[in-house]
C-alpha atoms as a PDB file:
ATOM      1  CA  MET A   1      39.208   4.616   8.840  1.00  0.00           C
ATOM      2  CA  MET A   2      37.639   6.272  11.847  1.00  0.00           C
ATOM      3  CA  GLU A   3      34.273   7.836  10.988  1.00  0.00           C
ATOM      4  CA  ASN A   4      32.925  10.845  12.854  1.00  0.00           C
ATOM      5  CA  VAL A   5      29.409   9.419  13.025  1.00  0.00           C
ATOM      6  CA  ILE A   6      27.814   6.181  11.923  1.00  0.00           C
ATOM      7  CA  ILE A   7      24.036   5.887  11.822  1.00  0.00           C
ATOM      8  CA  VAL A   8      22.626   2.367  12.063  1.00  0.00           C
ATOM      9  CA  GLY A   9      19.242   2.343  10.362  1.00  0.00           C
ATOM     10  CA  SER A  10      17.715   4.137   7.389  1.00  0.00           C
ATOM     11  CA  GLY A  11      14.173   4.960   8.457  1.00  0.00           C
ATOM     12  CA  PRO A  12      12.897   8.497   9.193  1.00  0.00           C
ATOM     13  CA  ALA A  13      14.965   8.779  12.401  1.00  0.00           C
ATOM     14  CA  GLY A  14      18.253   7.700  10.842  1.00  0.00           C
ATOM     15  CA  MET A  15      17.955   9.682   7.624  1.00  0.00           C
ATOM     16  CA  THR A  16      16.738  12.856   9.347  1.00  0.00           C
ATOM     17  CA  ALA A  17      19.730  12.617  11.677  1.00  0.00           C
ATOM     18  CA  GLY A  18      21.920  12.201   8.623  1.00  0.00           C
ATOM     19  CA  ILE A  19      20.594  15.430   7.117  1.00  0.00           C
ATOM     20  CA  TYR A  20      21.349  17.407  10.277  1.00  0.00           C
ATOM     21  CA  LEU A  21      24.783  15.854  10.735  1.00  0.00           C
ATOM     22  CA  ALA A  22      25.730  16.464   7.112  1.00  0.00           C
ATOM     23  CA  ARG A  23      24.766  20.109   7.461  1.00  0.00           C
ATOM     24  CA  ALA A  24      26.996  20.239  10.546  1.00  0.00           C
ATOM     25  CA  GLY A  25      29.938  19.109   8.391  1.00  0.00           C
ATOM     26  CA  LEU A  26      30.280  15.685  10.055  1.00  0.00           C
ATOM     27  CA  SER A  27      29.915  13.561   6.888  1.00  0.00           C
ATOM     28  CA  PRO A  28      27.801  10.771   8.450  1.00  0.00           C
ATOM     29  CA  LEU A  29      27.772   7.216   7.165  1.00  0.00           C
ATOM     30  CA  VAL A  30      24.413   5.398   7.232  1.00  0.00           C
ATOM     31  CA  LEU A  31      24.502   1.615   7.500  1.00  0.00           C
ATOM     32  CA  GLU A  32      21.060   0.975   6.109  1.00  0.00           C
ATOM     33  CA  GLY A  33      20.724  -2.757   6.711  1.00  0.00           C
ATOM     34  CA  MET A  34      19.870  -5.194   3.964  1.00  0.00           C
ATOM     35  CA  GLU A  35      16.485  -3.517   3.392  1.00  0.00           C
ATOM     36  CA  SER A  36      16.526   0.277   3.406  1.00  0.00           C
ATOM     37  CA  GLY A  37      13.782   2.572   4.619  1.00  0.00           C
ATOM     38  CA  GLY A  38      12.497   0.785   7.710  1.00  0.00           C
ATOM     39  CA  GLN A  39       8.848   0.008   8.471  1.00  0.00           C
ATOM     40  CA  LEU A  40       7.604   2.952   6.435  1.00  0.00           C
ATOM     41  CA  MET A  41       8.527   1.026   3.288  1.00  0.00           C
ATOM     42  CA  THR A  42       5.619  -1.367   3.967  1.00  0.00           C
ATOM     43  CA  THR A  43       3.057   1.395   4.559  1.00  0.00           C
ATOM     44  CA  ASN A  44       0.845   2.090   1.550  1.00  0.00           C
ATOM     45  CA  HIS A  45      -1.166   5.022   2.941  1.00  0.00           C
ATOM     46  CA  VAL A  46       0.201   7.892   5.034  1.00  0.00           C
ATOM     47  CA  ASP A  47      -1.888  11.001   5.668  1.00  0.00           C
ATOM     48  CA  ASN A  48      -0.228  12.517   8.734  1.00  0.00           C
ATOM     49  CA  PHE A  49       3.334  13.317   7.663  1.00  0.00           C
ATOM     50  CA  PRO A  50       3.481  17.131   7.348  1.00  0.00           C
ATOM     51  CA  GLY A  51       3.991  18.534   3.880  1.00  0.00           C
ATOM     52  CA  PHE A  52       3.104  15.371   1.950  1.00  0.00           C
ATOM     53  CA  GLY A  53      -0.700  15.046   2.040  1.00  0.00           C
ATOM     54  CA  THR A  54      -1.866  11.518   1.254  1.00  0.00           C
ATOM     55  CA  VAL A  55       1.203   9.596   0.218  1.00  0.00           C
ATOM     56  CA  THR A  56       2.828   6.174   0.437  1.00  0.00           C
ATOM     57  CA  GLY A  57       5.597   5.338   2.890  1.00  0.00           C
ATOM     58  CA  PRO A  58       8.102   4.584   0.114  1.00  0.00           C
ATOM     59  CA  GLU A  59       7.453   8.017  -1.407  1.00  0.00           C
ATOM     60  CA  ILE A  60       8.312   9.701   1.905  1.00  0.00           C
ATOM     61  CA  ILE A  61      11.474   7.629   2.269  1.00  0.00           C
ATOM     62  CA  LYS A  62      12.520   8.389  -1.308  1.00  0.00           C
ATOM     63  CA  SER A  63      12.112  12.134  -0.716  1.00  0.00           C
ATOM     64  CA  ILE A  64      14.049  12.154   2.575  1.00  0.00           C
ATOM     65  CA  ARG A  65      16.822  10.005   1.121  1.00  0.00           C
ATOM     66  CA  SER A  66      17.146  12.240  -1.936  1.00  0.00           C
ATOM     67  CA  GLN A  67      17.630  15.251   0.308  1.00  0.00           C
ATOM     68  CA  ALA A  68      20.131  13.372   2.483  1.00  0.00           C
ATOM     69  CA  GLU A  69      22.198  12.272  -0.517  1.00  0.00           C
ATOM     70  CA  ARG A  70      22.164  15.793  -1.955  1.00  0.00           C
ATOM     71  CA  LEU A  71      23.629  17.081   1.313  1.00  0.00           C
ATOM     72  CA  GLY A  72      26.397  14.481   1.314  1.00  0.00           C
ATOM     73  CA  VAL A  73      25.091  11.689   3.541  1.00  0.00           C
ATOM     74  CA  ARG A  74      26.783   8.417   2.566  1.00  0.00           C
ATOM     75  CA  PHE A  75      24.852   5.145   2.490  1.00  0.00           C
ATOM     76  CA  GLN A  76      26.262   1.630   2.811  1.00  0.00           C
ATOM     77  CA  MET A  77      24.132  -1.515   2.588  1.00  0.00           C
ATOM     78  CA  ASP A  78      25.242  -3.641   5.524  1.00  0.00           C
ATOM     79  CA  GLU A  79      23.559  -5.174   8.555  1.00  0.00           C
ATOM     80  CA  VAL A  80      25.314  -4.632  11.870  1.00  0.00           C
ATOM     81  CA  THR A  81      25.763  -7.794  13.918  1.00  0.00           C
ATOM     82  CA  ASN A  82      27.814  -6.392  16.811  1.00  0.00           C
ATOM     83  CA  LEU A  83      28.361  -2.954  18.349  1.00  0.00           C
ATOM     84  CA  GLU A  84      30.495  -2.172  21.375  1.00  0.00           C
ATOM     85  CA  ARG A  85      32.728   0.567  22.704  1.00  0.00           C
ATOM     86  CA  LYS A  86      36.474  -0.178  22.781  1.00  0.00           C
ATOM     87  CA  GLY A  87      38.589   2.582  24.262  1.00  0.00           C
ATOM     88  CA  GLU A  88      37.905   5.858  22.495  1.00  0.00           C
ATOM     89  CA  ALA A  89      36.136   4.237  19.545  1.00  0.00           C
ATOM     90  CA  ILE A  90      32.869   2.475  18.930  1.00  0.00           C
ATOM     91  CA  GLU A  91      33.469  -0.657  16.893  1.00  0.00           C
ATOM     92  CA  LEU A  92      30.816  -2.138  14.626  1.00  0.00           C
ATOM     93  CA  ALA A  93      30.895  -5.488  12.873  1.00  0.00           C
ATOM     94  CA  GLY A  94      28.646  -5.980   9.873  1.00  0.00           C
ATOM     95  CA  MET A  95      27.738  -8.849   7.597  1.00  0.00           C
ATOM     96  CA  ILE A  96      29.875  -7.224   4.891  1.00  0.00           C
ATOM     97  CA  GLY A  97      32.473  -5.085   6.659  1.00  0.00           C
ATOM     98  CA  ASN A  98      33.806  -3.669   9.932  1.00  0.00           C
ATOM     99  CA  TYR A  99      33.560  -0.030  10.996  1.00  0.00           C
ATOM    100  CA  SER A 100      34.812   2.367  13.648  1.00  0.00           C
ATOM    101  CA  ALA A 101      33.364   5.704  14.757  1.00  0.00           C
ATOM    102  CA  ARG A 102      33.648   8.450  17.350  1.00  0.00           C
ATOM    103  CA  ALA A 103      29.859   8.410  17.799  1.00  0.00           C
ATOM    104  CA  VAL A 104      27.036   6.124  16.725  1.00  0.00           C
ATOM    105  CA  LEU A 105      23.303   6.659  16.426  1.00  0.00           C
ATOM    106  CA  VAL A 106      21.209   3.508  16.711  1.00  0.00           C
ATOM    107  CA  ALA A 107      17.975   4.042  14.778  1.00  0.00           C
ATOM    108  CA  THR A 108      17.053   0.477  13.883  1.00  0.00           C
ATOM    109  CA  GLY A 109      13.383   0.716  14.813  1.00  0.00           C
ATOM    110  CA  ALA A 110      11.113  -2.088  15.938  1.00  0.00           C
ATOM    111  CA  SER A 111       9.151  -4.580  13.899  1.00  0.00           C
ATOM    112  CA  ILE A 112       5.707  -5.859  14.739  1.00  0.00           C
ATOM    113  CA  GLU A 113       5.514  -9.563  15.507  1.00  0.00           C
ATOM    114  CA  LYS A 114       3.729 -11.052  12.509  1.00  0.00           C
ATOM    115  CA  THR A 115       1.202 -13.861  12.953  1.00  0.00           C
ATOM    116  CA  GLY A 116       2.660 -15.953  10.126  1.00  0.00           C
ATOM    117  CA  LEU A 117      -0.851 -16.945   9.034  1.00  0.00           C
ATOM    118  CA  PRO A 118      -1.628 -17.678   5.371  1.00  0.00           C
ATOM    119  CA  GLY A 119      -2.352 -14.517   3.417  1.00  0.00           C
ATOM    120  CA  GLU A 120      -0.821 -12.127   5.939  1.00  0.00           C
ATOM    121  CA  ALA A 121       2.191 -11.270   3.780  1.00  0.00           C
ATOM    122  CA  GLN A 122       0.089 -11.075   0.603  1.00  0.00           C
ATOM    123  CA  TYR A 123      -2.378  -8.569   2.070  1.00  0.00           C
ATOM    124  CA  TRP A 124       0.004  -6.620   4.317  1.00  0.00           C
ATOM    125  CA  GLY A 125      -0.586  -2.982   3.420  1.00  0.00           C
ATOM    126  CA  ARG A 126      -3.628  -4.005   1.387  1.00  0.00           C
ATOM    127  CA  GLY A 127      -6.065  -4.466   4.226  1.00  0.00           C
ATOM    128  CA  VAL A 128      -3.762  -5.923   6.890  1.00  0.00           C
ATOM    129  CA  SER A 129      -2.047  -3.335   9.091  1.00  0.00           C
ATOM    130  CA  GLY A 130       0.078  -3.241  12.212  1.00  0.00           C
ATOM    131  CA  CYS A 131      -0.465   0.462  12.999  1.00  0.00           C
ATOM    132  CA  LEU A 132      -3.778   1.718  14.347  1.00  0.00           C
ATOM    133  CA  THR A 133      -2.814   5.378  14.484  1.00  0.00           C
ATOM    134  CA  CYS A 134      -1.497   5.214  10.911  1.00  0.00           C
ATOM    135  CA  ASP A 135      -4.388   3.451   9.223  1.00  0.00           C
ATOM    136  CA  ALA A 136      -7.537   3.503  11.388  1.00  0.00           C
ATOM    137  CA  ALA A 137      -8.849   6.698   9.776  1.00  0.00           C
ATOM    138  CA  PHE A 138      -8.881   5.025   6.353  1.00  0.00           C
ATOM    139  CA  TYR A 139     -11.543   2.582   7.599  1.00  0.00           C
ATOM    140  CA  LYS A 140     -14.060   5.039   8.996  1.00  0.00           C
ATOM    141  CA  GLY A 141     -17.509   3.528   8.479  1.00  0.00           C
ATOM    142  CA  LYS A 142     -15.976   0.254   7.280  1.00  0.00           C
ATOM    143  CA  ARG A 143     -15.764  -3.198   8.844  1.00  0.00           C
ATOM    144  CA  VAL A 144     -12.513  -4.164  10.585  1.00  0.00           C
ATOM    145  CA  VAL A 145     -11.191  -7.074  12.624  1.00  0.00           C
ATOM    146  CA  VAL A 146      -8.696  -6.894  15.502  1.00  0.00           C
ATOM    147  CA  VAL A 147      -6.270  -9.821  15.542  1.00  0.00           C
ATOM    148  CA  GLY A 148      -4.809  -9.985  19.034  1.00  0.00           C
ATOM    149  CA  THR A 149      -5.492 -10.876  22.642  1.00  0.00           C
ATOM    150  CA  GLY A 150      -5.819  -9.353  26.098  1.00  0.00           C
ATOM    151  CA  PRO A 151      -6.038  -5.702  27.128  1.00  0.00           C
ATOM    152  CA  ALA A 152      -4.120  -4.512  24.058  1.00  0.00           C
ATOM    153  CA  ALA A 153      -6.732  -6.016  21.716  1.00  0.00           C
ATOM    154  CA  GLN A 154      -9.573  -4.465  23.740  1.00  0.00           C
ATOM    155  CA  ALA A 155      -7.828  -1.086  23.724  1.00  0.00           C
ATOM    156  CA  ALA A 156      -7.434  -1.389  19.939  1.00  0.00           C
ATOM    157  CA  LYS A 157     -11.146  -2.148  19.589  1.00  0.00           C
ATOM    158  CA  ASN A 158     -12.032   0.909  21.666  1.00  0.00           C
ATOM    159  CA  TYR A 159      -9.713   3.123  19.634  1.00  0.00           C
ATOM    160  CA  LEU A 160     -11.040   1.895  16.285  1.00  0.00           C
ATOM    161  CA  GLU A 161     -14.624   2.469  17.338  1.00  0.00           C
ATOM    162  CA  LYS A 162     -13.755   5.935  18.581  1.00  0.00           C
ATOM    163  CA  VAL A 163     -12.454   6.987  15.160  1.00  0.00           C
ATOM    164  CA  GLY A 164     -15.529   5.551  13.442  1.00  0.00           C
ATOM    165  CA  ASP A 165     -14.491   2.063  12.345  1.00  0.00           C
ATOM    166  CA  ILE A 166     -16.974  -0.775  12.736  1.00  0.00           C
ATOM    167  CA  VAL A 167     -15.283  -3.591  14.658  1.00  0.00           C
ATOM    168  CA  VAL A 168     -16.866  -6.854  13.567  1.00  0.00           C
ATOM    169  CA  GLY A 169     -14.503  -9.189  15.394  1.00  0.00           C
ATOM    170  CA  VAL A 170     -11.684  -9.523  17.924  1.00  0.00           C
ATOM    171  CA  VAL A 171      -9.861 -12.813  17.434  1.00  0.00           C
ATOM    172  CA  ALA A 172      -6.689 -14.367  18.774  1.00  0.00           C
ATOM    173  CA  PRO A 173      -3.984 -14.968  16.142  1.00  0.00           C
ATOM    174  CA  ALA A 174      -4.205 -18.714  16.722  1.00  0.00           C
ATOM    175  CA  GLU A 175      -7.948 -18.607  15.978  1.00  0.00           C
ATOM    176  CA  ALA A 176      -7.867 -16.220  13.006  1.00  0.00           C
ATOM    177  CA  GLY A 177      -7.120 -19.043  10.594  1.00  0.00           C
ATOM    178  CA  SER A 178      -6.062 -17.053   7.538  1.00  0.00           C
ATOM    179  CA  PHE A 179      -6.270 -13.769   5.671  1.00  0.00           C
ATOM    180  CA  SER A 180      -7.945 -13.955   2.291  1.00  0.00           C
ATOM    181  CA  GLY A 181      -9.103 -11.561  -0.369  1.00  0.00           C
ATOM    182  CA  ASP A 182      -9.744 -10.904  -4.030  1.00  0.00           C
ATOM    183  CA  GLY A 183      -6.076 -10.638  -4.959  1.00  0.00           C
ATOM    184  CA  ALA A 184      -6.036  -6.855  -4.638  1.00  0.00           C
ATOM    185  CA  LYS A 185      -7.308  -6.343  -1.104  1.00  0.00           C
ATOM    186  CA  LEU A 186      -8.310  -8.217   2.030  1.00  0.00           C
ATOM    187  CA  THR A 187     -11.924  -9.383   2.258  1.00  0.00           C
ATOM    188  CA  LYS A 188     -11.908 -11.984   5.051  1.00  0.00           C
ATOM    189  CA  VAL A 189     -10.199 -12.934   8.301  1.00  0.00           C
ATOM    190  CA  GLY A 190     -11.086 -16.583   8.719  1.00  0.00           C
ATOM    191  CA  GLU A 191     -14.815 -16.611   7.994  1.00  0.00           C
ATOM    192  CA  ILE A 192     -15.376 -12.974   9.034  1.00  0.00           C
ATOM    193  CA  GLU A 193     -16.042 -10.650   6.129  1.00  0.00           C
ATOM    194  CA  THR A 194     -14.090  -7.444   6.595  1.00  0.00           C
ATOM    195  CA  ASP A 195     -12.513  -4.445   4.881  1.00  0.00           C
ATOM    196  CA  GLY A 196      -9.425  -4.457   7.083  1.00  0.00           C
ATOM    197  CA  ALA A 197      -7.541  -6.220   9.851  1.00  0.00           C
ATOM    198  CA  PHE A 198      -5.313  -4.762  12.549  1.00  0.00           C
ATOM    199  CA  ILE A 199      -2.583  -6.956  14.034  1.00  0.00           C
ATOM    200  CA  VAL A 200      -2.130  -6.211  17.733  1.00  0.00           C
ATOM    201  CA  THR A 201       0.934  -8.105  18.901  1.00  0.00           C
ATOM    202  CA  ARG A 202       4.181  -7.133  20.564  1.00  0.00           C
ATOM    203  CA  ARG A 203       6.804  -4.888  18.992  1.00  0.00           C
ATOM    204  CA  ILE A 204      10.288  -6.376  18.623  1.00  0.00           C
ATOM    205  CA  PRO A 205      13.090  -3.782  18.942  1.00  0.00           C
ATOM    206  CA  GLN A 206      16.022  -4.418  16.613  1.00  0.00           C
ATOM    207  CA  THR A 207      18.679  -4.259  19.325  1.00  0.00           C
ATOM    208  CA  LYS A 208      20.176  -7.748  19.714  1.00  0.00           C
ATOM    209  CA  PHE A 209      23.482  -6.647  18.185  1.00  0.00           C
ATOM    210  CA  LEU A 210      24.239  -4.143  20.978  1.00  0.00           C
ATOM    211  CA  LYS A 211      26.871  -4.987  23.599  1.00  0.00           C
ATOM    212  CA  GLY A 212      26.974  -3.096  26.896  1.00  0.00           C
ATOM    213  CA  VAL A 213      24.052  -0.803  26.068  1.00  0.00           C
ATOM    214  CA  GLU A 214      21.323  -0.933  28.719  1.00  0.00           C
ATOM    215  CA  LEU A 215      18.030  -2.407  27.480  1.00  0.00           C
ATOM    216  CA  ASP A 216      14.701  -2.798  29.254  1.00  0.00           C
ATOM    217  CA  ASP A 217      12.844  -6.109  29.636  1.00  0.00           C
ATOM    218  CA  ALA A 218      11.334  -5.753  26.168  1.00  0.00           C
ATOM    219  CA  GLY A 219      14.744  -5.221  24.557  1.00  0.00           C
ATOM    220  CA  THR A 220      14.182  -1.507  23.986  1.00  0.00           C
ATOM    221  CA  ILE A 221      17.147   0.833  24.496  1.00  0.00           C
ATOM    222  CA  VAL A 222      16.997   2.705  27.798  1.00  0.00           C
ATOM    223  CA  THR A 223      17.614   6.404  27.155  1.00  0.00           C
ATOM    224  CA  HIS A 224      18.028   9.534  29.262  1.00  0.00           C
ATOM    225  CA  GLU A 225      17.669  13.090  28.061  1.00  0.00           C
ATOM    226  CA  ARG A 226      15.715  11.577  25.153  1.00  0.00           C
ATOM    227  CA  VAL A 227      18.595  10.142  23.070  1.00  0.00           C
ATOM    228  CA  PHE A 228      21.581   9.338  25.339  1.00  0.00           C
ATOM    229  CA  THR A 229      22.259   5.667  26.141  1.00  0.00           C
ATOM    230  CA  SER A 230      24.261   4.080  28.943  1.00  0.00           C
ATOM    231  CA  VAL A 231      27.359   3.978  26.710  1.00  0.00           C
ATOM    232  CA  PRO A 232      29.180   7.264  26.008  1.00  0.00           C
ATOM    233  CA  GLY A 233      29.099   8.100  22.332  1.00  0.00           C
ATOM    234  CA  VAL A 234      26.192   5.774  21.572  1.00  0.00           C
ATOM    235  CA  PHE A 235      22.859   7.501  20.975  1.00  0.00           C
ATOM    236  CA  ALA A 236      19.437   6.101  20.094  1.00  0.00           C
ATOM    237  CA  ALA A 237      16.370   7.438  18.322  1.00  0.00           C
ATOM    238  CA  GLY A 238      13.052   6.193  17.007  1.00  0.00           C
ATOM    239  CA  ASP A 239      11.103   3.045  17.817  1.00  0.00           C
ATOM    240  CA  CYS A 240      14.126   1.158  19.206  1.00  0.00           C
ATOM    241  CA  ALA A 241      14.501   3.741  21.994  1.00  0.00           C
ATOM    242  CA  GLN A 242      11.524   3.681  24.381  1.00  0.00           C
ATOM    243  CA  PRO A 243       9.133   5.797  22.321  1.00  0.00           C
ATOM    244  CA  LYS A 244       5.898   6.789  24.031  1.00  0.00           C
ATOM    245  CA  PHE A 245       4.222   7.192  20.654  1.00  0.00           C
ATOM    246  CA  ARG A 246       5.262   5.356  17.490  1.00  0.00           C
ATOM    247  CA  GLN A 247       4.878   7.643  14.504  1.00  0.00           C
ATOM    248  CA  ALA A 248       7.152   8.397  11.561  1.00  0.00           C
ATOM    249  CA  ILE A 249       7.145  12.132  12.251  1.00  0.00           C
ATOM    250  CA  ILE A 250       8.093  11.541  15.904  1.00  0.00           C
ATOM    251  CA  ALA A 251      10.950   9.270  14.811  1.00  0.00           C
ATOM    252  CA  ALA A 252      12.131  11.996  12.444  1.00  0.00           C
ATOM    253  CA  GLY A 253      12.049  14.514  15.307  1.00  0.00           C
ATOM    254  CA  ASP A 254      14.017  12.135  17.509  1.00  0.00           C
ATOM    255  CA  GLY A 255      16.575  11.826  14.730  1.00  0.00           C
ATOM    256  CA  ALA A 256      16.974  15.600  14.496  1.00  0.00           C
ATOM    257  CA  TYR A 257      17.343  15.875  18.282  1.00  0.00           C
ATOM    258  CA  ALA A 258      19.906  13.060  18.331  1.00  0.00           C
ATOM    259  CA  ALA A 259      21.935  14.708  15.559  1.00  0.00           C
ATOM    260  CA  LEU A 260      22.148  17.971  17.484  1.00  0.00           C
ATOM    261  CA  ALA A 261      23.151  16.075  20.636  1.00  0.00           C
ATOM    262  CA  ILE A 262      25.847  14.162  18.711  1.00  0.00           C
ATOM    263  CA  ALA A 263      27.231  17.326  17.151  1.00  0.00           C
ATOM    264  CA  ALA A 264      27.513  18.895  20.615  1.00  0.00           C
ATOM    265  CA  TYR A 265      29.098  15.706  22.012  1.00  0.00           C
ATOM    266  CA  LEU A 266      31.773  15.612  19.303  1.00  0.00           C
ATOM    267  CA  LYS A 267      32.684  19.255  19.825  1.00  0.00           C
END
């Protein structure tokens, strides 16, 4: 069966695009991966997504998905392992099934490179964060540690101090040792007592499955006119597509823009 549109990814960009495409009568199919919701699902505190106030990432995702499903967006749990254009169709191979579409939106996001240190997974979202602009404001007047190296770590330190956090340490991941706490929240990075830790490492775009789509040196999708890729019929939105700023609301806006561009392309 040839689909009109397949969306790869189920974060704010992908699901917002689904809402717009469903309203355009294009009955989009979302291949949500093996874990739905994207990075926002690991974010415990969000205070800058319009209309929600202070909320958790999963609550935002649940609300957007509910609206998408009500409008007729279809969801399929499958992880795409290969995508390439063949003739007039875009062919996708997944871990579970194979798919074909007239247009595809890639909205797979990018994941932060974790340190892998003891305690990182346990306290992720409970004192350990990978997003300064998301979480820095929650630590105003509190002690934080930057885990990273080079200019990026120094820039993070400057940013945290600007918003009122007290930076008590900047340490390389290899020297951090471990993340420890009281079981509920982080209290130490190595031997440094802290209320929070910010991981400043590289972002890894989820784009390895793409064939023929132009990527930059970091593996991010090269786009023109915001959402168009080098392959006709393949569009990109969100953190996998050269974002200047990485925020959930910006990803959602990119998804809406991409949906309108796809609808125009198909007509």
